[in-house]
Amino acid sequence: SGKEREFVASITWNGGYTYYGDSVKGRFTIFRDSAKSTV
C-alpha cells in the first residue's frame, strides 16, 4: 500500500533460469511446472 510495484522473482520458461530481488533472496523460490503451465 502506497508503494511502487517491486520486482520479486523471475524465471525463464525455457531453461528455468531464475533471478531474485535482493529483499527476498534466500527466502523465496520461484519454479514452474511446464505441463501445467503454472508458475
Full PDB file with SEQRES, HELIX, SHEET, SSBOND, CRYST1, ORIGX, SCALE, CONECT and MASTER records, all heavy atoms in Angstrom:
SEQRES   1 A   39  SER GLY LYS GLU ARG GLU PHE VAL ALA SER ILE THR TRP          
SEQRES   2 A   39  ASN GLY GLY TYR THR TYR TYR GLY ASP SER VAL LYS GLY          
SEQRES   3 A   39  ARG PHE THR ILE PHE ARG ASP SER ALA LYS SER THR VAL          
HELIX    1 AA1 SER A   34  LYS A   36  5                                   3    
SHEET    1 AA1 2 ALA A   9  ILE A  11  0                                        
SHEET    2 AA1 2 THR A  18  TYR A  20 -1                                        
CRYST1    1.000    1.000    1.000  90.00  90.00  90.00 P 1           1          
ORIGX1      1.000000  0.000000  0.000000        0.00000                         
ORIGX2      0.000000  1.000000  0.000000        0.00000                         
ORIGX3      0.000000  0.000000  1.000000        0.00000                         
SCALE1      1.000000  0.000000  0.000000        0.00000                         
SCALE2      0.000000  1.000000  0.000000        0.00000                         
SCALE3      0.000000  0.000000  1.000000        0.00000                         
ATOM      1  N   SER A   1       0.836  -1.204   0.000  1.00  0.00           N  
ATOM      2  CA  SER A   1       0.000   0.000   0.000  1.00  0.00           C  
ATOM      3  C   SER A   1       0.868   1.251   0.000  1.00  0.00           C  
ATOM      4  O   SER A   1       1.758   1.415   0.842  1.00  0.00           O  
ATOM      5  CB  SER A   1      -0.912  -0.028   1.225  1.00  0.00           C  
ATOM      6  OG  SER A   1      -1.725   1.128   1.265  1.00  0.00           O  
ATOM      7  N   GLY A   2       0.615   2.127  -0.963  1.00  0.00           N  
ATOM      8  CA  GLY A   2       1.334   3.390  -1.029  1.00  0.00           C  
ATOM      9  C   GLY A   2       2.734   3.313  -1.597  1.00  0.00           C  
ATOM     10  O   GLY A   2       3.458   4.303  -1.589  1.00  0.00           O  
ATOM     11  N   LYS A   3       3.109   2.139  -2.116  1.00  0.00           N  
ATOM     12  CA  LYS A   3       4.470   1.982  -2.645  1.00  0.00           C  
ATOM     13  C   LYS A   3       4.441   1.583  -4.110  1.00  0.00           C  
ATOM     14  O   LYS A   3       3.416   1.170  -4.655  1.00  0.00           O  
ATOM     15  CB  LYS A   3       5.234   0.930  -1.831  1.00  0.00           C  
ATOM     16  CG  LYS A   3       5.486   1.354  -0.388  1.00  0.00           C  
ATOM     17  CD  LYS A   3       6.427   0.390   0.296  1.00  0.00           C  
ATOM     18  CE  LYS A   3       6.759   0.860   1.707  1.00  0.00           C  
ATOM     19  NZ  LYS A   3       7.706  -0.056   2.391  1.00  0.00           N  
ATOM     20  N   GLU A   4       5.617   1.689  -4.738  1.00  0.00           N  
ATOM     21  CA  GLU A   4       5.761   1.294  -6.133  1.00  0.00           C  
ATOM     22  C   GLU A   4       5.727  -0.234  -6.253  1.00  0.00           C  
ATOM     23  O   GLU A   4       6.050  -0.954  -5.304  1.00  0.00           O  
ATOM     24  CB  GLU A   4       7.103   1.801  -6.677  1.00  0.00           C  
ATOM     25  CG  GLU A   4       7.210   3.310  -6.819  1.00  0.00           C  
ATOM     26  CD  GLU A   4       6.407   3.815  -8.003  1.00  0.00           C  
ATOM     27  OE1 GLU A   4       6.499   3.204  -9.078  1.00  0.00           O  
ATOM     28  OE2 GLU A   4       5.689   4.814  -7.834  1.00  0.00           O  
ATOM     29  N   ARG A   5       5.365  -0.700  -7.442  1.00  0.00           N  
ATOM     30  CA  ARG A   5       5.397  -2.135  -7.691  1.00  0.00           C  
ATOM     31  C   ARG A   5       6.856  -2.588  -7.730  1.00  0.00           C  
ATOM     32  O   ARG A   5       7.684  -2.003  -8.407  1.00  0.00           O  
ATOM     33  CB  ARG A   5       4.688  -2.467  -9.000  1.00  0.00           C  
ATOM     34  CG  ARG A   5       4.429  -3.939  -9.201  1.00  0.00           C  
ATOM     35  CD  ARG A   5       3.401  -4.199 -10.279  1.00  0.00           C  
ATOM     36  NE  ARG A   5       2.095  -3.699  -9.888  1.00  0.00           N  
ATOM     37  CZ  ARG A   5       0.955  -3.981 -10.542  1.00  0.00           C  
ATOM     38  NH1 ARG A   5       0.993  -4.770 -11.597  1.00  0.00           N  
ATOM     39  NH2 ARG A   5      -0.175  -3.480 -10.133  1.00  0.00           N  
ATOM     40  N   GLU A   6       7.133  -3.664  -7.001  1.00  0.00           N  
ATOM     41  CA  GLU A   6       8.503  -4.133  -6.771  1.00  0.00           C  
ATOM     42  C   GLU A   6       8.713  -5.507  -7.390  1.00  0.00           C  
ATOM     43  O   GLU A   6       7.865  -6.404  -7.236  1.00  0.00           O  
ATOM     44  CB  GLU A   6       8.763  -4.193  -5.258  1.00  0.00           C  
ATOM     45  CG  GLU A   6      10.106  -4.762  -4.855  1.00  0.00           C  
ATOM     46  CD  GLU A   6      10.193  -5.047  -3.363  1.00  0.00           C  
ATOM     47  OE1 GLU A   6       9.138  -5.099  -2.694  1.00  0.00           O  
ATOM     48  OE2 GLU A   6      11.323  -5.229  -2.866  1.00  0.00           O  
ATOM     49  N   PHE A   7       9.845  -5.693  -8.049  1.00  0.00           N  
ATOM     50  CA  PHE A   7      10.206  -6.990  -8.600  1.00  0.00           C  
ATOM     51  C   PHE A   7      10.525  -7.962  -7.466  1.00  0.00           C  
ATOM     52  O   PHE A   7      11.247  -7.623  -6.533  1.00  0.00           O  
ATOM     53  CB  PHE A   7      11.417  -6.834  -9.512  1.00  0.00           C  
ATOM     54  CG  PHE A   7      12.024  -8.132  -9.957  1.00  0.00           C  
ATOM     55  CD1 PHE A   7      11.419  -8.879 -10.962  1.00  0.00           C  
ATOM     56  CD2 PHE A   7      13.176  -8.620  -9.375  1.00  0.00           C  
ATOM     57  CE1 PHE A   7      11.975 -10.075 -11.375  1.00  0.00           C  
ATOM     58  CE2 PHE A   7      13.732  -9.806  -9.790  1.00  0.00           C  
ATOM     59  CZ  PHE A   7      13.139 -10.538 -10.787  1.00  0.00           C  
ATOM     60  N   VAL A   8      10.006  -9.190  -7.590  1.00  0.00           N  
ATOM     61  CA  VAL A   8      10.266 -10.215  -6.589  1.00  0.00           C  
ATOM     62  C   VAL A   8      11.164 -11.314  -7.154  1.00  0.00           C  
ATOM     63  O   VAL A   8      12.228 -11.603  -6.604  1.00  0.00           O  
ATOM     64  CB  VAL A   8       8.946 -10.826  -6.083  1.00  0.00           C  
ATOM     65  CG1 VAL A   8       9.219 -11.982  -5.126  1.00  0.00           C  
ATOM     66  CG2 VAL A   8       8.093  -9.758  -5.404  1.00  0.00           C  
ATOM     67  N   ALA A   9      10.734 -11.916  -8.257  1.00  0.00           N  
ATOM     68  CA  ALA A   9      11.496 -13.027  -8.824  1.00  0.00           C  
ATOM     69  C   ALA A   9      11.033 -13.281 -10.246  1.00  0.00           C  
ATOM     70  O   ALA A   9       9.899 -12.954 -10.598  1.00  0.00           O  
ATOM     71  CB  ALA A   9      11.327 -14.290  -7.988  1.00  0.00           C  
ATOM     72  N   SER A  10      11.915 -13.878 -11.057  1.00  0.00           N  
ATOM     73  CA  SER A  10      11.537 -14.232 -12.423  1.00  0.00           C  
ATOM     74  C   SER A  10      12.148 -15.573 -12.806  1.00  0.00           C  
ATOM     75  O   SER A  10      13.134 -16.019 -12.183  1.00  0.00           O  
ATOM     76  CB  SER A  10      11.967 -13.153 -13.413  1.00  0.00           C  
ATOM     77  OG  SER A  10      13.378 -13.003 -13.417  1.00  0.00           O  
ATOM     78  N   ILE A  11      11.568 -16.189 -13.831  1.00  0.00           N  
ATOM     79  CA  ILE A  11      12.057 -17.470 -14.318  1.00  0.00           C  
ATOM     80  C   ILE A  11      11.831 -17.540 -15.816  1.00  0.00           C  
ATOM     81  O   ILE A  11      10.757 -17.143 -16.301  1.00  0.00           O  
ATOM     82  CB  ILE A  11      11.359 -18.641 -13.583  1.00  0.00           C  
ATOM     83  CG1 ILE A  11      11.960 -19.987 -13.996  1.00  0.00           C  
ATOM     84  CG2 ILE A  11       9.843 -18.620 -13.797  1.00  0.00           C  
ATOM     85  CD1 ILE A  11      11.531 -21.136 -13.080  1.00  0.00           C  
ATOM     86  N   THR A  12      12.830 -18.002 -16.542  1.00  0.00           N  
ATOM     87  CA  THR A  12      12.641 -18.166 -17.980  1.00  0.00           C  
ATOM     88  C   THR A  12      11.889 -19.468 -18.234  1.00  0.00           C  
ATOM     89  O   THR A  12      12.140 -20.475 -17.564  1.00  0.00           O  
ATOM     90  CB  THR A  12      13.993 -18.206 -18.713  1.00  0.00           C  
ATOM     91  OG1 THR A  12      14.795 -19.262 -18.163  1.00  0.00           O  
ATOM     92  CG2 THR A  12      14.726 -16.886 -18.555  1.00  0.00           C  
ATOM     93  N   TRP A  13      10.961 -19.428 -19.170  1.00  0.00           N  
ATOM     94  CA  TRP A  13      10.177 -20.627 -19.455  1.00  0.00           C  
ATOM     95  C   TRP A  13      11.069 -21.705 -20.063  1.00  0.00           C  
ATOM     96  O   TRP A  13      10.877 -22.894 -19.823  1.00  0.00           O  
ATOM     97  CB  TRP A  13       9.017 -20.278 -20.379  1.00  0.00           C  
ATOM     98  CG  TRP A  13       7.918 -21.280 -20.268  1.00  0.00           C  
ATOM     99  CD1 TRP A  13       7.532 -22.195 -21.202  1.00  0.00           C  
ATOM    100  CD2 TRP A  13       7.079 -21.500 -19.131  1.00  0.00           C  
ATOM    101  NE1 TRP A  13       6.512 -22.960 -20.711  1.00  0.00           N  
ATOM    102  CE2 TRP A  13       6.206 -22.560 -19.446  1.00  0.00           C  
ATOM    103  CE3 TRP A  13       6.982 -20.908 -17.865  1.00  0.00           C  
ATOM    104  CZ2 TRP A  13       5.252 -23.024 -18.552  1.00  0.00           C  
ATOM    105  CZ3 TRP A  13       6.039 -21.361 -16.975  1.00  0.00           C  
ATOM    106  CH2 TRP A  13       5.189 -22.418 -17.324  1.00  0.00           C  
ATOM    107  N   ASN A  14      12.035 -21.287 -20.859  1.00  0.00           N  
ATOM    108  CA  ASN A  14      12.988 -22.220 -21.443  1.00  0.00           C  
ATOM    109  C   ASN A  14      14.242 -22.257 -20.583  1.00  0.00           C  
ATOM    110  O   ASN A  14      14.931 -21.254 -20.451  1.00  0.00           O  
ATOM    111  CB  ASN A  14      13.338 -21.769 -22.855  1.00  0.00           C  
ATOM    112  CG  ASN A  14      14.247 -22.747 -23.560  1.00  0.00           C  
ATOM    113  OD1 ASN A  14      14.220 -23.937 -23.282  1.00  0.00           O  
ATOM    114  ND2 ASN A  14      15.069 -22.252 -24.467  1.00  0.00           N  
ATOM    115  N   GLY A  15      14.496 -23.340 -19.962  1.00  0.00           N  
ATOM    116  CA  GLY A  15      15.710 -23.456 -19.153  1.00  0.00           C  
ATOM    117  C   GLY A  15      15.500 -23.247 -17.673  1.00  0.00           C  
ATOM    118  O   GLY A  15      16.288 -23.714 -16.857  1.00  0.00           O  
ATOM    119  N   GLY A  16      14.441 -22.525 -17.319  1.00  0.00           N  
ATOM    120  CA  GLY A  16      14.152 -22.334 -15.904  1.00  0.00           C  
ATOM    121  C   GLY A  16      15.177 -21.515 -15.141  1.00  0.00           C  
ATOM    122  O   GLY A  16      15.381 -21.717 -13.946  1.00  0.00           O  
ATOM    123  N   TYR A  17      15.819 -20.581 -15.823  1.00  0.00           N  
ATOM    124  CA  TYR A  17      16.803 -19.737 -15.127  1.00  0.00           C  
ATOM    125  C   TYR A  17      16.064 -18.733 -14.250  1.00  0.00           C  
ATOM    126  O   TYR A  17      15.084 -18.140 -14.666  1.00  0.00           O  
ATOM    127  CB  TYR A  17      17.689 -19.026 -16.144  1.00  0.00           C  
ATOM    128  CG  TYR A  17      18.480 -19.992 -16.980  1.00  0.00           C  
ATOM    129  CD1 TYR A  17      18.097 -20.273 -18.296  1.00  0.00           C  
ATOM    130  CD2 TYR A  17      19.581 -20.659 -16.456  1.00  0.00           C  
ATOM    131  CE1 TYR A  17      18.811 -21.178 -19.068  1.00  0.00           C  
ATOM    132  CE2 TYR A  17      20.295 -21.570 -17.222  1.00  0.00           C  
ATOM    133  CZ  TYR A  17      19.898 -21.820 -18.514  1.00  0.00           C  
ATOM    134  OH  TYR A  17      20.594 -22.725 -19.274  1.00  0.00           O  
ATOM    135  N   THR A  18      16.554 -18.544 -13.037  1.00  0.00           N  
ATOM    136  CA  THR A  18      15.862 -17.706 -12.068  1.00  0.00           C  
ATOM    137  C   THR A  18      16.676 -16.486 -11.677  1.00  0.00           C  
ATOM    138  O   THR A  18      17.905 -16.457 -11.803  1.00  0.00           O  
ATOM    139  CB  THR A  18      15.530 -18.511 -10.804  1.00  0.00           C  
ATOM    140  OG1 THR A  18      16.740 -19.016 -10.237  1.00  0.00           O  
ATOM    141  CG2 THR A  18      14.592 -19.660 -11.121  1.00  0.00           C  
ATOM    142  N   TYR A  19      15.950 -15.502 -11.176  1.00  0.00           N  
ATOM    143  CA  TYR A  19      16.578 -14.255 -10.706  1.00  0.00           C  
ATOM    144  C   TYR A  19      15.687 -13.695  -9.616  1.00  0.00           C  
ATOM    145  O   TYR A  19      14.458 -13.759  -9.720  1.00  0.00           O  
ATOM    146  CB  TYR A  19      16.699 -13.284 -11.882  1.00  0.00           C  
ATOM    147  CG  TYR A  19      17.357 -11.970 -11.537  1.00  0.00           C  
ATOM    148  CD1 TYR A  19      18.689 -11.919 -11.146  1.00  0.00           C  
ATOM    149  CD2 TYR A  19      16.660 -10.767 -11.625  1.00  0.00           C  
ATOM    150  CE1 TYR A  19      19.293 -10.718 -10.845  1.00  0.00           C  
ATOM    151  CE2 TYR A  19      17.263  -9.564 -11.316  1.00  0.00           C  
ATOM    152  CZ  TYR A  19      18.582  -9.544 -10.929  1.00  0.00           C  
ATOM    153  OH  TYR A  19      19.178  -8.348 -10.618  1.00  0.00           O  
ATOM    154  N   TYR A  20      16.296 -13.154  -8.539  1.00  0.00           N  
ATOM    155  CA  TYR A  20      15.533 -12.711  -7.385  1.00  0.00           C  
ATOM    156  C   TYR A  20      15.857 -11.278  -7.003  1.00  0.00           C  
ATOM    157  O   TYR A  20      16.992 -10.815  -7.164  1.00  0.00           O  
ATOM    158  CB  TYR A  20      15.829 -13.610  -6.182  1.00  0.00           C  
ATOM    159  CG  TYR A  20      15.375 -15.028  -6.377  1.00  0.00           C  
ATOM    160  CD1 TYR A  20      16.222 -15.994  -6.914  1.00  0.00           C  
ATOM    161  CD2 TYR A  20      14.082 -15.420  -6.038  1.00  0.00           C  
ATOM    162  CE1 TYR A  20      15.797 -17.287  -7.107  1.00  0.00           C  
ATOM    163  CE2 TYR A  20      13.647 -16.718  -6.218  1.00  0.00           C  
ATOM    164  CZ  TYR A  20      14.507 -17.645  -6.756  1.00  0.00           C  
ATOM    165  OH  TYR A  20      14.078 -18.937  -6.943  1.00  0.00           O  
ATOM    166  N   GLY A  21      14.865 -10.603  -6.454  1.00  0.00           N  
ATOM    167  CA  GLY A  21      15.100  -9.305  -5.867  1.00  0.00           C  
ATOM    168  C   GLY A  21      15.878  -9.471  -4.559  1.00  0.00           C  
ATOM    169  O   GLY A  21      15.773 -10.503  -3.890  1.00  0.00           O  
ATOM    170  N   ASP A  22      16.641  -8.469  -4.197  1.00  0.00           N  
ATOM    171  CA  ASP A  22      17.510  -8.568  -3.028  1.00  0.00           C  
ATOM    172  C   ASP A  22      16.735  -8.838  -1.739  1.00  0.00           C  
ATOM    173  O   ASP A  22      17.216  -9.546  -0.852  1.00  0.00           O  
ATOM    174  CB  ASP A  22      18.322  -7.280  -2.870  1.00  0.00           C  
ATOM    175  CG  ASP A  22      19.397  -7.139  -3.928  1.00  0.00           C  
ATOM    176  OD1 ASP A  22      19.768  -8.166  -4.538  1.00  0.00           O  
ATOM    177  OD2 ASP A  22      19.862  -6.013  -4.156  1.00  0.00           O  
ATOM    178  N   SER A  23      15.534  -8.297  -1.641  1.00  0.00           N  
ATOM    179  CA  SER A  23      14.791  -8.408  -0.387  1.00  0.00           C  
ATOM    180  C   SER A  23      14.238  -9.812  -0.131  1.00  0.00           C  
ATOM    181  O   SER A  23      13.818 -10.106   0.990  1.00  0.00           O  
ATOM    182  CB  SER A  23      13.645  -7.388  -0.371  1.00  0.00           C  
ATOM    183  OG  SER A  23      12.749  -7.644  -1.433  1.00  0.00           O  
ATOM    184  N   VAL A  24      14.252 -10.665  -1.145  1.00  0.00           N  
ATOM    185  CA  VAL A  24      13.670 -11.999  -0.972  1.00  0.00           C  
ATOM    186  C   VAL A  24      14.674 -13.129  -1.188  1.00  0.00           C  
ATOM    187  O   VAL A  24      14.342 -14.305  -0.992  1.00  0.00           O  
ATOM    188  CB  VAL A  24      12.456 -12.226  -1.894  1.00  0.00           C  
ATOM    189  CG1 VAL A  24      11.432 -11.115  -1.692  1.00  0.00           C  
ATOM    190  CG2 VAL A  24      12.884 -12.325  -3.353  1.00  0.00           C  
ATOM    191  N   LYS A  25      15.886 -12.793  -1.573  1.00  0.00           N  
ATOM    192  CA  LYS A  25      16.898 -13.828  -1.823  1.00  0.00           C  
ATOM    193  C   LYS A  25      17.104 -14.700  -0.598  1.00  0.00           C  
ATOM    194  O   LYS A  25      17.234 -14.212   0.517  1.00  0.00           O  
ATOM    195  CB  LYS A  25      18.229 -13.182  -2.198  1.00  0.00           C  
ATOM    196  CG  LYS A  25      18.338 -12.766  -3.639  1.00  0.00           C  
ATOM    197  CD  LYS A  25      19.695 -12.138  -3.904  1.00  0.00           C  
ATOM    198  CE  LYS A  25      19.791 -11.575  -5.299  1.00  0.00           C  
ATOM    199  NZ  LYS A  25      21.044 -10.865  -5.545  1.00  0.00           N  
ATOM    200  N   GLY A  26      17.119 -16.001  -0.827  1.00  0.00           N  
ATOM    201  CA  GLY A  26      17.332 -16.941   0.264  1.00  0.00           C  
ATOM    202  C   GLY A  26      16.068 -17.318   1.003  1.00  0.00           C  
ATOM    203  O   GLY A  26      16.072 -18.263   1.792  1.00  0.00           O  
ATOM    204  N   ARG A  27      14.970 -16.598   0.769  1.00  0.00           N  
ATOM    205  CA  ARG A  27      13.699 -16.899   1.433  1.00  0.00           C  
ATOM    206  C   ARG A  27      12.629 -17.370   0.459  1.00  0.00           C  
ATOM    207  O   ARG A  27      11.799 -18.204   0.804  1.00  0.00           O  
ATOM    208  CB  ARG A  27      13.193 -15.673   2.185  1.00  0.00           C  
ATOM    209  CG  ARG A  27      14.126 -15.157   3.261  1.00  0.00           C  
ATOM    210  CD  ARG A  27      13.449 -14.072   4.100  1.00  0.00           C  
ATOM    211  NE  ARG A  27      13.101 -12.901   3.300  1.00  0.00           N  
ATOM    212  CZ  ARG A  27      11.864 -12.419   3.216  1.00  0.00           C  
ATOM    213  NH1 ARG A  27      10.868 -13.009   3.855  1.00  0.00           N  
ATOM    214  NH2 ARG A  27      11.618 -11.335   2.488  1.00  0.00           N  
ATOM    215  N   PHE A  28      12.634 -16.817  -0.734  1.00  0.00           N  
ATOM    216  CA  PHE A  28      11.622 -17.144  -1.743  1.00  0.00           C  
ATOM    217  C   PHE A  28      12.246 -17.977  -2.843  1.00  0.00           C  
ATOM    218  O   PHE A  28      13.418 -17.808  -3.190  1.00  0.00           O  
ATOM    219  CB  PHE A  28      11.046 -15.873  -2.361  1.00  0.00           C  
ATOM    220  CG  PHE A  28      10.191 -15.028  -1.452  1.00  0.00           C  
ATOM    221  CD1 PHE A  28      10.112 -15.258  -0.094  1.00  0.00           C  
ATOM    222  CD2 PHE A  28       9.441 -13.990  -1.981  1.00  0.00           C  
ATOM    223  CE1 PHE A  28       9.329 -14.480   0.736  1.00  0.00           C  
ATOM    224  CE2 PHE A  28       8.647 -13.190  -1.180  1.00  0.00           C  
ATOM    225  CZ  PHE A  28       8.604 -13.437   0.187  1.00  0.00           C  
ATOM    226  N   THR A  29      11.421 -18.858  -3.434  1.00  0.00           N  
ATOM    227  CA  THR A  29      11.848 -19.665  -4.569  1.00  0.00           C  
ATOM    228  C   THR A  29      10.777 -19.630  -5.640  1.00  0.00           C  
ATOM    229  O   THR A  29       9.600 -19.891  -5.352  1.00  0.00           O  
ATOM    230  CB  THR A  29      12.098 -21.123  -4.145  1.00  0.00           C  
ATOM    231  OG1 THR A  29      13.083 -21.159  -3.105  1.00  0.00           O  
ATOM    232  CG2 THR A  29      12.588 -21.953  -5.324  1.00  0.00           C  
ATOM    233  N   ILE A  30      11.180 -19.328  -6.858  1.00  0.00           N  
ATOM    234  CA  ILE A  30      10.255 -19.371  -7.994  1.00  0.00           C  
ATOM    235  C   ILE A  30      10.550 -20.636  -8.794  1.00  0.00           C  
ATOM    236  O   ILE A  30      11.714 -20.995  -9.003  1.00  0.00           O  
ATOM    237  CB  ILE A  30      10.392 -18.104  -8.872  1.00  0.00           C  
ATOM    238  CG1 ILE A  30       9.320 -18.076  -9.960  1.00  0.00           C  
ATOM    239  CG2 ILE A  30      11.788 -17.976  -9.466  1.00  0.00           C  
ATOM    240  CD1 ILE A  30       9.254 -16.757 -10.738  1.00  0.00           C  
ATOM    241  N   PHE A  31       9.498 -21.331  -9.192  1.00  0.00           N  
ATOM    242  CA  PHE A  31       9.684 -22.516 -10.022  1.00  0.00           C  
ATOM    243  C   PHE A  31       8.450 -22.708 -10.879  1.00  0.00           C  
ATOM    244  O   PHE A  31       7.422 -22.084 -10.657  1.00  0.00           O  
ATOM    245  CB  PHE A  31       9.983 -23.760  -9.176  1.00  0.00           C  
ATOM    246  CG  PHE A  31       8.921 -24.142  -8.177  1.00  0.00           C  
ATOM    247  CD1 PHE A  31       8.023 -25.167  -8.458  1.00  0.00           C  
ATOM    248  CD2 PHE A  31       8.832 -23.502  -6.951  1.00  0.00           C  
ATOM    249  CE1 PHE A  31       7.054 -25.527  -7.534  1.00  0.00           C  
ATOM    250  CE2 PHE A  31       7.874 -23.858  -6.023  1.00  0.00           C  
ATOM    251  CZ  PHE A  31       6.980 -24.874  -6.311  1.00  0.00           C  
ATOM    252  N   ARG A  32       8.572 -23.568 -11.883  1.00  0.00           N  
ATOM    253  CA  ARG A  32       7.475 -23.735 -12.832  1.00  0.00           C  
ATOM    254  C   ARG A  32       7.180 -25.208 -13.045  1.00  0.00           C  
ATOM    255  O   ARG A  32       8.040 -26.063 -12.863  1.00  0.00           O  
ATOM    256  CB  ARG A  32       7.833 -23.080 -14.170  1.00  0.00           C  
ATOM    257  CG  ARG A  32       8.818 -23.898 -15.025  1.00  0.00           C  
ATOM    258  CD  ARG A  32       9.562 -23.100 -16.004  1.00  0.00           C  
ATOM    259  NE  ARG A  32      10.320 -23.847 -16.978  1.00  0.00           N  
ATOM    260  CZ  ARG A  32      11.349 -24.641 -16.731  1.00  0.00           C  
ATOM    261  NH1 ARG A  32      11.735 -24.842 -15.484  1.00  0.00           N  
ATOM    262  NH2 ARG A  32      11.996 -25.221 -17.719  1.00  0.00           N  
ATOM    263  N   ASP A  33       5.954 -25.455 -13.451  1.00  0.00           N  
ATOM    264  CA  ASP A  33       5.527 -26.782 -13.899  1.00  0.00           C  
ATOM    265  C   ASP A  33       5.061 -26.602 -15.334  1.00  0.00           C  
ATOM    266  O   ASP A  33       3.955 -26.103 -15.578  1.00  0.00           O  
ATOM    267  CB  ASP A  33       4.403 -27.309 -13.006  1.00  0.00           C  
ATOM    268  CG  ASP A  33       3.983 -28.727 -13.363  1.00  0.00           C  
ATOM    269  OD1 ASP A  33       4.103 -29.104 -14.548  1.00  0.00           O  
ATOM    270  OD2 ASP A  33       3.532 -29.453 -12.464  1.00  0.00           O  
ATOM    271  N   SER A  34       5.905 -26.966 -16.273  1.00  0.00           N  
ATOM    272  CA  SER A  34       5.597 -26.730 -17.683  1.00  0.00           C  
ATOM    273  C   SER A  34       4.346 -27.471 -18.129  1.00  0.00           C  
ATOM    274  O   SER A  34       3.559 -26.950 -18.914  1.00  0.00           O  
ATOM    275  CB  SER A  34       6.785 -27.148 -18.548  1.00  0.00           C  
ATOM    276  OG  SER A  34       7.931 -26.417 -18.206  1.00  0.00           O  
ATOM    277  N   ALA A  35       4.149 -28.670 -17.614  1.00  0.00           N  
ATOM    278  CA  ALA A  35       2.996 -29.464 -18.022  1.00  0.00           C  
ATOM    279  C   ALA A  35       1.690 -28.798 -17.612  1.00  0.00           C  
ATOM    280  O   ALA A  35       0.672 -28.936 -18.288  1.00  0.00           O  
ATOM    281  CB  ALA A  35       3.087 -30.853 -17.420  1.00  0.00           C  
ATOM    282  N   LYS A  36       1.723 -28.068 -16.518  1.00  0.00           N  
ATOM    283  CA  LYS A  36       0.516 -27.403 -16.023  1.00  0.00           C  
ATOM    284  C   LYS A  36       0.480 -25.925 -16.404  1.00  0.00           C  
ATOM    285  O   LYS A  36      -0.446 -25.216 -16.023  1.00  0.00           O  
ATOM    286  CB  LYS A  36       0.433 -27.528 -14.493  1.00  0.00           C  
ATOM    287  CG  LYS A  36       0.266 -28.956 -14.000  1.00  0.00           C  
ATOM    288  CD  LYS A  36       0.155 -28.973 -12.477  1.00  0.00           C  
ATOM    289  CE  LYS A  36      -0.049 -30.404 -11.972  1.00  0.00           C  
ATOM    290  NZ  LYS A  36      -0.139 -30.442 -10.479  1.00  0.00           N  
ATOM    291  N   SER A  37       1.506 -25.446 -17.098  1.00  0.00           N  
ATOM    292  CA  SER A  37       1.610 -24.019 -17.434  1.00  0.00           C  
ATOM    293  C   SER A  37       1.408 -23.159 -16.198  1.00  0.00           C  
ATOM    294  O   SER A  37       0.643 -22.183 -16.213  1.00  0.00           O  
ATOM    295  CB  SER A  37       0.597 -23.639 -18.520  1.00  0.00           C  
ATOM    296  OG  SER A  37       0.906 -24.261 -19.736  1.00  0.00           O  
ATOM    297  N   THR A  38       2.063 -23.530 -15.145  1.00  0.00           N  
ATOM    298  CA  THR A  38       1.890 -22.851 -13.857  1.00  0.00           C  
ATOM    299  C   THR A  38       3.250 -22.471 -13.277  1.00  0.00           C  
ATOM    300  O   THR A  38       4.200 -23.250 -13.345  1.00  0.00           O  
ATOM    301  CB  THR A  38       1.137 -23.750 -12.870  1.00  0.00           C  
ATOM    302  OG1 THR A  38      -0.152 -24.052 -13.409  1.00  0.00           O  
ATOM    303  CG2 THR A  38       0.956 -23.058 -11.526  1.00  0.00           C  
ATOM    304  N   VAL A  39       3.292 -21.270 -12.725  1.00  0.00           N  
ATOM    305  CA  VAL A  39       4.483 -20.784 -12.032  1.00  0.00           C  
ATOM    306  C   VAL A  39       4.131 -20.625 -10.564  1.00  0.00           C  
ATOM    307  O   VAL A  39       3.033 -20.173 -10.226  1.00  0.00           O  
ATOM    308  CB  VAL A  39       4.946 -19.430 -12.612  1.00  0.00           C  
ATOM    309  CG1 VAL A  39       6.087 -18.855 -11.790  1.00  0.00           C  
ATOM    310  CG2 VAL A  39       5.370 -19.601 -14.047  1.00  0.00           C  
TER     311      VAL A  39                                                      
MASTER        0    0    0    1    2    0    0    6  310    1    0    3          
END                                                                             
